[in-house]
C-alpha atoms as a PDB file:
ATOM      1  CA  TYR A   1       0.000   0.000   0.000  1.00  0.00           C
ATOM      2  CA  VAL A   2       2.897   2.379   0.564  1.00  0.00           C
ATOM      3  CA  ALA A   3       3.292   2.878  -3.197  1.00  0.00           C
ATOM      4  CA  TYR A   4      -0.222   4.364  -3.302  1.00  0.00           C
ATOM      5  CA  SER A   5       0.282   6.838  -0.419  1.00  0.00           C
ATOM      6  CA  PRO A   6      -2.836   5.603   1.431  1.00  0.00           C
ATOM      7  CA  VAL A   7      -4.787   8.088   3.547  1.00  0.00           C
ATOM      8  CA  ALA A   8      -7.545   6.897   5.879  1.00  0.00           C
ATOM      9  CA  LEU A   9     -10.354   9.444   6.006  1.00  0.00           C
ATOM     10  CA  SER A  10     -12.330   7.193   8.346  1.00  0.00           C
ATOM     11  CA  ARG A  11     -11.369   4.039  10.234  1.00  0.00           C
ATOM     12  CA  PRO A  12     -12.376   2.109  13.373  1.00  0.00           C
ATOM     13  CA  SER A  13     -10.924   3.570  16.539  1.00  0.00           C
ATOM     14  CA  LEU A  14     -10.039   0.066  17.747  1.00  0.00           C
ATOM     15  CA  LYS A  15      -7.874  -2.526  16.034  1.00  0.00           C
ATOM     16  CA  ARG A  16      -9.085  -6.106  15.631  1.00  0.00           C
ATOM     17  CA  ASP A  17      -7.250  -7.085  18.830  1.00  0.00           C
ATOM     18  CA  GLY A  18      -9.166  -4.430  20.755  1.00  0.00           C
ATOM     19  CA  SER A  19      -6.252  -2.056  21.226  1.00  0.00           C
ATOM     20  CA  ALA A  20      -6.510   1.600  20.254  1.00  0.00           C
ATOM     21  CA  ALA A  21      -5.689   2.547  16.684  1.00  0.00           C
ATOM     22  CA  PRO A  22      -2.868   5.063  16.233  1.00  0.00           C
ATOM     23  CA  GLU A  23      -3.913   8.685  16.293  1.00  0.00           C
ATOM     24  CA  GLY A  24      -4.423  10.384  12.954  1.00  0.00           C
ATOM     25  CA  ASN A  25      -6.524  12.808  10.957  1.00  0.00           C
ATOM     26  CA  TRP A  26      -9.446  10.422  10.615  1.00  0.00           C
ATOM     27  CA  GLN A  27     -12.744   9.857  12.351  1.00  0.00           C
ATOM     28  CA  ASP A  28     -13.995   6.753  14.136  1.00  0.00           C
ATOM     29  CA  GLY A  29     -16.104   4.797  11.661  1.00  0.00           C
ATOM     30  CA  PRO A  30     -15.873   2.387   8.737  1.00  0.00           C
ATOM     31  CA  TRP A  31     -12.752   2.301   6.589  1.00  0.00           C
ATOM     32  CA  VAL A  32     -12.728   4.971   3.864  1.00  0.00           C
ATOM     33  CA  VAL A  33      -9.298   5.091   2.243  1.00  0.00           C
ATOM     34  CA  VAL A  34      -7.836   7.182  -0.577  1.00  0.00           C
ATOM     35  CA  LEU A  35      -5.099   5.555  -2.683  1.00  0.00           C
ATOM     36  CA  GLU A  36      -3.111   7.980  -4.808  1.00  0.00           C
ATOM     37  CA  ASN A  37      -1.532   7.084  -8.167  1.00  0.00           C
ATOM     38  CA  PHE A  38      -3.308   3.734  -8.205  1.00  0.00           C
ATOM     39  CA  ILE A  39      -3.483   3.742 -12.003  1.00  0.00           C
ATOM     40  CA  SER A  40      -1.255   5.413 -14.572  1.00  0.00           C
ATOM     41  CA  ASP A  41      -2.245   8.038 -17.130  1.00  0.00           C
ATOM     42  CA  GLU A  42      -1.996   5.377 -19.849  1.00  0.00           C
ATOM     43  CA  GLU A  43      -4.293   3.004 -17.942  1.00  0.00           C
ATOM     44  CA  ALA A  44      -6.826   5.773 -17.288  1.00  0.00           C
ATOM     45  CA  TYR A  45      -6.832   6.736 -20.976  1.00  0.00           C
ATOM     46  CA  GLU A  46      -7.266   3.105 -22.042  1.00  0.00           C
ATOM     47  CA  LEU A  47     -10.241   2.659 -19.694  1.00  0.00           C
ATOM     48  CA  ILE A  48     -11.944   5.787 -21.051  1.00  0.00           C
ATOM     49  CA  THR A  49     -11.274   4.592 -24.603  1.00  0.00           C
ATOM     50  CA  ALA A  50     -12.770   1.183 -23.755  1.00  0.00           C
ATOM     51  CA  GLY A  51     -15.940   2.916 -22.609  1.00  0.00           C
ATOM     52  CA  ASP A  52     -16.125   4.841 -25.872  1.00  0.00           C
ATOM     53  CA  LYS A  53     -15.671   1.610 -27.850  1.00  0.00           C
ATOM     54  CA  LYS A  54     -18.364  -0.202 -25.878  1.00  0.00           C
ATOM     55  CA  GLY A  55     -20.699   2.774 -25.897  1.00  0.00           C
ATOM     56  CA  PHE A  56     -21.967   4.628 -22.829  1.00  0.00           C
ATOM     57  CA  HIS A  57     -25.657   4.099 -22.046  1.00  0.00           C
ATOM     58  CA  ARG A  58     -27.970   5.428 -19.332  1.00  0.00           C
ATOM     59  CA  SER A  59     -27.029   3.885 -15.985  1.00  0.00           C
ATOM     60  CA  MET A  60     -29.558   1.513 -14.414  1.00  0.00           C
ATOM     61  CA  ASP A  61     -30.443   0.540 -10.857  1.00  0.00           C
ATOM     62  CA  VAL A  62     -31.581  -2.884  -9.630  1.00  0.00           C
ATOM     63  CA  GLY A  63     -35.356  -3.048 -10.137  1.00  0.00           C
ATOM     64  CA  ILE A  64     -38.194  -5.337  -9.089  1.00  0.00           C
ATOM     65  CA  GLU A  65     -37.754  -9.088  -8.703  1.00  0.00           C
ATOM     66  CA  ASN A  66     -39.180 -11.377 -11.390  1.00  0.00           C
ATOM     67  CA  PRO A  67     -40.877 -14.726 -10.592  1.00  0.00           C
ATOM     68  CA  ASP A  68     -37.693 -16.584 -11.605  1.00  0.00           C
ATOM     69  CA  GLY A  69     -35.646 -14.626  -9.084  1.00  0.00           C
ATOM     70  CA  SER A  70     -33.968 -12.334 -11.610  1.00  0.00           C
ATOM     71  CA  HIS A  71     -34.317  -8.568 -11.317  1.00  0.00           C
ATOM     72  CA  GLU A  72     -35.367  -5.900 -13.777  1.00  0.00           C
ATOM     73  CA  ASP A  73     -33.151  -2.957 -14.662  1.00  0.00           C
ATOM     74  CA  ASP A  74     -34.641   0.309 -13.477  1.00  0.00           C
ATOM     75  CA  VAL A  75     -34.071   3.793 -14.886  1.00  0.00           C
ATOM     76  CA  SER A  76     -34.041   6.168 -11.923  1.00  0.00           C
ATOM     77  CA  ASP A  77     -34.243   9.952 -11.713  1.00  0.00           C
ATOM     78  CA  GLY A  78     -31.731   9.645  -8.879  1.00  0.00           C
ATOM     79  CA  ARG A  79     -29.017   8.480 -11.280  1.00  0.00           C
ATOM     80  CA  THR A  80     -28.374  10.366 -14.495  1.00  0.00           C
ATOM     81  CA  SER A  81     -24.897   9.153 -15.526  1.00  0.00           C
ATOM     82  CA  THR A  82     -24.103   6.839 -18.434  1.00  0.00           C
ATOM     83  CA  ASN A  83     -22.056   3.650 -18.159  1.00  0.00           C
ATOM     84  CA  ALA A  84     -20.424   0.812 -20.095  1.00  0.00           C
ATOM     85  CA  TRP A  85     -19.392  -2.635 -18.854  1.00  0.00           C
ATOM     86  CA  CYS A  86     -15.702  -3.451 -19.173  1.00  0.00           C
ATOM     87  CA  ASP A  87     -15.997  -7.172 -19.976  1.00  0.00           C
ATOM     88  CA  VAL A  88     -13.288  -9.805 -20.451  1.00  0.00           C
ATOM     89  CA  GLU A  89     -13.000  -9.449 -24.228  1.00  0.00           C
ATOM     90  CA  LEU A  90     -12.861  -5.653 -24.217  1.00  0.00           C
ATOM     91  CA  CYS A  91     -10.860  -5.012 -21.070  1.00  0.00           C
ATOM     92  CA  GLU A  92      -9.388  -7.923 -19.193  1.00  0.00           C
ATOM     93  CA  ASN A  93      -7.669  -9.303 -22.307  1.00  0.00           C
ATOM     94  CA  ASN A  94      -6.312  -5.809 -22.958  1.00  0.00           C
ATOM     95  CA  PRO A  95      -2.587  -5.703 -22.032  1.00  0.00           C
ATOM     96  CA  VAL A  96      -3.001  -2.254 -20.445  1.00  0.00           C
ATOM     97  CA  ILE A  97      -6.304  -2.760 -18.595  1.00  0.00           C
ATOM     98  CA  GLY A  98      -5.802  -6.393 -17.521  1.00  0.00           C
ATOM     99  CA  PRO A  99      -3.109  -5.512 -14.955  1.00  0.00           C
ATOM    100  CA  VAL A 100      -5.467  -2.940 -13.391  1.00  0.00           C
ATOM    101  CA  VAL A 101      -8.019  -5.671 -12.662  1.00  0.00           C
ATOM    102  CA  GLU A 102      -5.279  -7.844 -11.157  1.00  0.00           C
ATOM    103  CA  ARG A 103      -3.993  -4.897  -9.106  1.00  0.00           C
ATOM    104  CA  ILE A 104      -7.438  -4.313  -7.610  1.00  0.00           C
ATOM    105  CA  ALA A 105      -7.623  -7.961  -6.514  1.00  0.00           C
ATOM    106  CA  THR A 106      -4.130  -7.821  -5.003  1.00  0.00           C
ATOM    107  CA  ALA A 107      -4.717  -4.539  -3.178  1.00  0.00           C
ATOM    108  CA  THR A 108      -7.950  -5.818  -1.629  1.00  0.00           C
ATOM    109  CA  SER A 109      -6.646  -9.334  -0.845  1.00  0.00           C
ATOM    110  CA  THR A 110      -9.400 -10.830  -2.976  1.00  0.00           C
ATOM    111  CA  SER A 111      -9.483 -12.612  -6.328  1.00  0.00           C
ATOM    112  CA  VAL A 112     -10.404 -11.428  -9.817  1.00  0.00           C
ATOM    113  CA  ASN A 113     -13.171 -14.044  -9.601  1.00  0.00           C
ATOM    114  CA  ASN A 114     -14.732 -12.122  -6.710  1.00  0.00           C
ATOM    115  CA  SER A 115     -15.109  -8.998  -8.841  1.00  0.00           C
ATOM    116  CA  GLU A 116     -17.879  -7.899 -11.138  1.00  0.00           C
ATOM    117  CA  HIS A 117     -16.590  -6.568 -14.434  1.00  0.00           C
ATOM    118  CA  LEU A 118     -15.546  -2.941 -14.116  1.00  0.00           C
ATOM    119  CA  GLN A 119     -18.395  -0.497 -14.638  1.00  0.00           C
ATOM    120  CA  LEU A 120     -17.091   2.477 -16.634  1.00  0.00           C
ATOM    121  CA  LEU A 121     -18.896   5.744 -15.900  1.00  0.00           C
ATOM    122  CA  ARG A 122     -19.321   9.092 -17.624  1.00  0.00           C
ATOM    123  CA  TYR A 123     -20.890  12.146 -15.953  1.00  0.00           C
ATOM    124  CA  GLU A 124     -21.585  15.247 -18.022  1.00  0.00           C
ATOM    125  CA  PRO A 125     -22.326  18.672 -16.489  1.00  0.00           C
ATOM    126  CA  GLY A 126     -25.391  18.474 -14.253  1.00  0.00           C
ATOM    127  CA  GLN A 127     -25.329  14.671 -13.988  1.00  0.00           C
ATOM    128  CA  TYR A 128     -25.210  12.939 -10.594  1.00  0.00           C
ATOM    129  CA  TYR A 129     -26.063   9.840  -8.567  1.00  0.00           C
ATOM    130  CA  ARG A 130     -28.136  10.595  -5.482  1.00  0.00           C
ATOM    131  CA  GLN A 131     -27.485   9.031  -2.068  1.00  0.00           C
ATOM    132  CA  HIS A 132     -27.451   5.239  -2.315  1.00  0.00           C
ATOM    133  CA  HIS A 133     -25.660   2.113  -1.106  1.00  0.00           C
ATOM    134  CA  ASP A 134     -23.800  -0.534  -3.113  1.00  0.00           C
ATOM    135  CA  TYR A 135     -25.039  -3.452  -0.981  1.00  0.00           C
ATOM    136  CA  ILE A 136     -27.700  -5.564  -2.733  1.00  0.00           C
ATOM    137  CA  GLU A 137     -29.902  -7.271  -0.161  1.00  0.00           C
ATOM    138  CA  TYR A 138     -31.163 -10.154  -2.289  1.00  0.00           C
ATOM    139  CA  GLN A 139     -27.591 -11.400  -2.892  1.00  0.00           C
ATOM    140  CA  GLN A 140     -27.215 -12.376   0.742  1.00  0.00           C
ATOM    141  CA  GLY A 141     -26.986 -16.164   0.761  1.00  0.00           C
ATOM    142  CA  LEU A 142     -26.529 -16.476  -3.014  1.00  0.00           C
ATOM    143  CA  PRO A 143     -23.418 -18.248  -4.395  1.00  0.00           C
ATOM    144  CA  CYS A 144     -21.979 -14.882  -5.496  1.00  0.00           C
ATOM    145  CA  GLY A 145     -22.121 -13.448  -1.991  1.00  0.00           C
ATOM    146  CA  VAL A 146     -22.797  -9.797  -1.246  1.00  0.00           C
ATOM    147  CA  ARG A 147     -20.732  -6.826  -2.333  1.00  0.00           C
ATOM    148  CA  MET A 148     -18.107  -6.484   0.399  1.00  0.00           C
ATOM    149  CA  LEU A 149     -15.999  -3.659  -0.988  1.00  0.00           C
ATOM    150  CA  THR A 150     -16.122  -0.917  -3.577  1.00  0.00           C
ATOM    151  CA  LEU A 151     -12.986   0.435  -5.191  1.00  0.00           C
ATOM    152  CA  PHE A 152     -13.705   3.493  -7.337  1.00  0.00           C
ATOM    153  CA  LEU A 153     -11.187   4.698  -9.912  1.00  0.00           C
ATOM    154  CA  TYR A 154     -11.012   8.353 -10.954  1.00  0.00           C
ATOM    155  CA  LEU A 155      -9.946   8.415 -14.599  1.00  0.00           C
ATOM    156  CA  ASN A 156      -9.552  12.170 -15.122  1.00  0.00           C
ATOM    157  CA  ASP A 157      -9.434  15.523 -13.387  1.00  0.00           C
ATOM    158  CA  VAL A 158     -12.760  17.378 -13.309  1.00  0.00           C
ATOM    159  CA  GLU A 159     -12.901  21.144 -13.660  1.00  0.00           C
ATOM    160  CA  ASP A 160     -15.566  21.602 -10.974  1.00  0.00           C
ATOM    161  CA  GLY A 161     -17.873  19.332  -8.986  1.00  0.00           C
ATOM    162  CA  GLY A 162     -18.258  15.572  -9.290  1.00  0.00           C
ATOM    163  CA  GLY A 163     -17.010  14.629  -5.822  1.00  0.00           C
ATOM    164  CA  THR A 164     -17.877  11.387  -4.015  1.00  0.00           C
ATOM    165  CA  ARG A 165     -19.677  12.267  -0.798  1.00  0.00           C
ATOM    166  CA  PHE A 166     -20.501  10.102   2.240  1.00  0.00           C
ATOM    167  CA  PRO A 167     -23.301  12.134   3.887  1.00  0.00           C
ATOM    168  CA  LEU A 168     -23.423  10.133   7.121  1.00  0.00           C
ATOM    169  CA  LEU A 169     -19.662  10.510   7.595  1.00  0.00           C
ATOM    170  CA  ASP A 170     -19.398  14.089   6.300  1.00  0.00           C
ATOM    171  CA  ILE A 171     -16.611  13.048   3.911  1.00  0.00           C
ATOM    172  CA  THR A 172     -16.178  14.237   0.319  1.00  0.00           C
ATOM    173  CA  VAL A 173     -13.436  13.053  -2.040  1.00  0.00           C
ATOM    174  CA  GLN A 174     -12.710  15.068  -5.162  1.00  0.00           C
ATOM    175  CA  PRO A 175     -11.888  13.470  -8.519  1.00  0.00           C
ATOM    176  CA  LYS A 176      -8.193  13.291  -9.365  1.00  0.00           C
ATOM    177  CA  LYS A 177      -6.792  11.289 -12.256  1.00  0.00           C
ATOM    178  CA  GLY A 178      -5.135   8.101 -11.029  1.00  0.00           C
ATOM    179  CA  ARG A 179      -6.728   8.185  -7.580  1.00  0.00           C
ATOM    180  CA  ALA A 180      -8.710   5.277  -6.137  1.00  0.00           C
ATOM    181  CA  LEU A 181     -11.205   5.331  -3.283  1.00  0.00           C
ATOM    182  CA  LEU A 182     -11.883   2.197  -1.224  1.00  0.00           C
ATOM    183  CA  TRP A 183     -14.707   1.531   1.236  1.00  0.00           C
ATOM    184  CA  PRO A 184     -16.750  -1.397   2.615  1.00  0.00           C
ATOM    185  CA  SER A 185     -20.419  -2.171   2.067  1.00  0.00           C
ATOM    186  CA  VAL A 186     -20.530  -4.626   4.971  1.00  0.00           C
ATOM    187  CA  LEU A 187     -19.729  -4.686   8.679  1.00  0.00           C
ATOM    188  CA  ASP A 188     -16.267  -5.873   9.641  1.00  0.00           C
ATOM    189  CA  ALA A 189     -17.751  -7.942  12.470  1.00  0.00           C
ATOM    190  CA  ASP A 190     -20.436  -9.453  10.221  1.00  0.00           C
ATOM    191  CA  PRO A 191     -19.353  -9.394   6.564  1.00  0.00           C
ATOM    192  CA  GLU A 192     -22.732 -10.493   5.218  1.00  0.00           C
ATOM    193  CA  GLU A 193     -24.561  -7.571   6.847  1.00  0.00           C
ATOM    194  CA  LYS A 194     -24.878  -4.078   5.389  1.00  0.00           C
ATOM    195  CA  ASP A 195     -22.902  -1.218   6.892  1.00  0.00           C
ATOM    196  CA  LYS A 196     -25.428   1.585   6.616  1.00  0.00           C
ATOM    197  CA  ARG A 197     -22.803   4.224   7.338  1.00  0.00           C
ATOM    198  CA  THR A 198     -21.319   3.960   3.830  1.00  0.00           C
ATOM    199  CA  ASP A 199     -24.238   5.493   1.992  1.00  0.00           C
ATOM    200  CA  HIS A 200     -22.683   7.730  -0.658  1.00  0.00           C
ATOM    201  CA  GLU A 201     -23.489   9.917  -3.640  1.00  0.00           C
ATOM    202  CA  ALA A 202     -21.832  11.264  -6.776  1.00  0.00           C
ATOM    203  CA  LEU A 203     -22.229  15.021  -6.557  1.00  0.00           C
ATOM    204  CA  PRO A 204     -23.270  16.840  -9.735  1.00  0.00           C
ATOM    205  CA  VAL A 205     -20.555  17.763 -12.200  1.00  0.00           C
ATOM    206  CA  ILE A 206     -20.561  21.544 -12.504  1.00  0.00           C
ATOM    207  CA  SER A 207     -17.985  21.966 -15.256  1.00  0.00           C
ATOM    208  CA  GLY A 208     -16.163  19.437 -17.419  1.00  0.00           C
ATOM    209  CA  ILE A 209     -16.767  15.678 -17.771  1.00  0.00           C
ATOM    210  CA  LYS A 210     -16.091  13.072 -15.102  1.00  0.00           C
ATOM    211  CA  PHE A 211     -14.882   9.581 -16.024  1.00  0.00           C
ATOM    212  CA  GLY A 212     -14.647   6.832 -13.428  1.00  0.00           C
ATOM    213  CA  ALA A 213     -14.856   3.082 -12.902  1.00  0.00           C
ATOM    214  CA  ASN A 214     -16.504   0.973 -10.214  1.00  0.00           C
ATOM    215  CA  ALA A 215     -14.991  -2.293  -9.018  1.00  0.00           C
ATOM    216  CA  TRP A 216     -17.474  -4.213  -6.851  1.00  0.00           C
ATOM    217  CA  LEU A 217     -15.865  -7.038  -4.894  1.00  0.00           C
ATOM    218  CA  HIS A 218     -18.008  -9.885  -3.578  1.00  0.00           C
ATOM    219  CA  SER A 219     -17.552 -12.201  -0.634  1.00  0.00           C
ATOM    220  CA  ARG A 220     -17.555 -15.291  -2.882  1.00  0.00           C
ATOM    221  CA  ASN A 221     -16.807 -16.313  -6.473  1.00  0.00           C
ATOM    222  CA  TYR A 222     -18.968 -13.860  -8.434  1.00  0.00           C
ATOM    223  CA  ARG A 223     -17.705 -14.900 -11.871  1.00  0.00           C
ATOM    224  CA  LYS A 224     -18.653 -18.574 -11.411  1.00  0.00           C
ATOM    225  CA  ALA A 225     -22.033 -17.625  -9.991  1.00  0.00           C
ATOM    226  CA  GLU A 226     -22.637 -15.290 -12.932  1.00  0.00           C
ATOM    227  CA  GLU A 227     -21.932 -18.121 -15.381  1.00  0.00           C
ATOM    228  CA  ASN A 228     -24.680 -20.122 -13.644  1.00  0.00           C
ATOM    229  CA  ASP A 229     -27.151 -17.178 -13.478  1.00  0.00           C
ATOM    230  CA  CYS A 230     -26.903 -17.112  -9.686  1.00  0.00           C
ATOM    231  CA  THR A 231     -26.225 -13.406  -9.145  1.00  0.00           C
END
């Protein structure tokens, strides 16, 4: 982690052994960590280019459940960005992007198989994503497991606006090319249960365009479960 100059904006005040955490400029709470220079300029450019190749489309939320257990996609007024999915053929076989996916797994002590494909995002002026949580309740108990962690990549600098805000923690992180932001969706003491404190929002872009990428990391083998339609 030293290579990424990690800064904890929030962290538990006690270590796992019950002793006090070292003092620092952070608040007692869930882990919210900024990692600087996590991806290179070349990698950021390649990810943006991959999104352009795939085509950015209106972002969807998880909708109502169907009788077969699948869920509809839902267009929401609370989310006005566009996105593209960075699949294996487009991204993970790419010699520039593939190492980014591996790096995310290494940095989070998980496996590539635990990760959904990267979701590439584009926010134009005025676009936003209102307060929400990445945890998906119906995945609890499924073979894929729940989303444990989110690692968000900032792919460019934004002229004004576009920060990632955690309203319940009073934390806002501004976009900066190469930066990554890491936080949990679950409780450390019970990693299948939602940590409600990590509600967050993408603040409106005021000027410029914001490009980013979501990596959602599950508690079990998401890729295998996806192959078997168990996500």
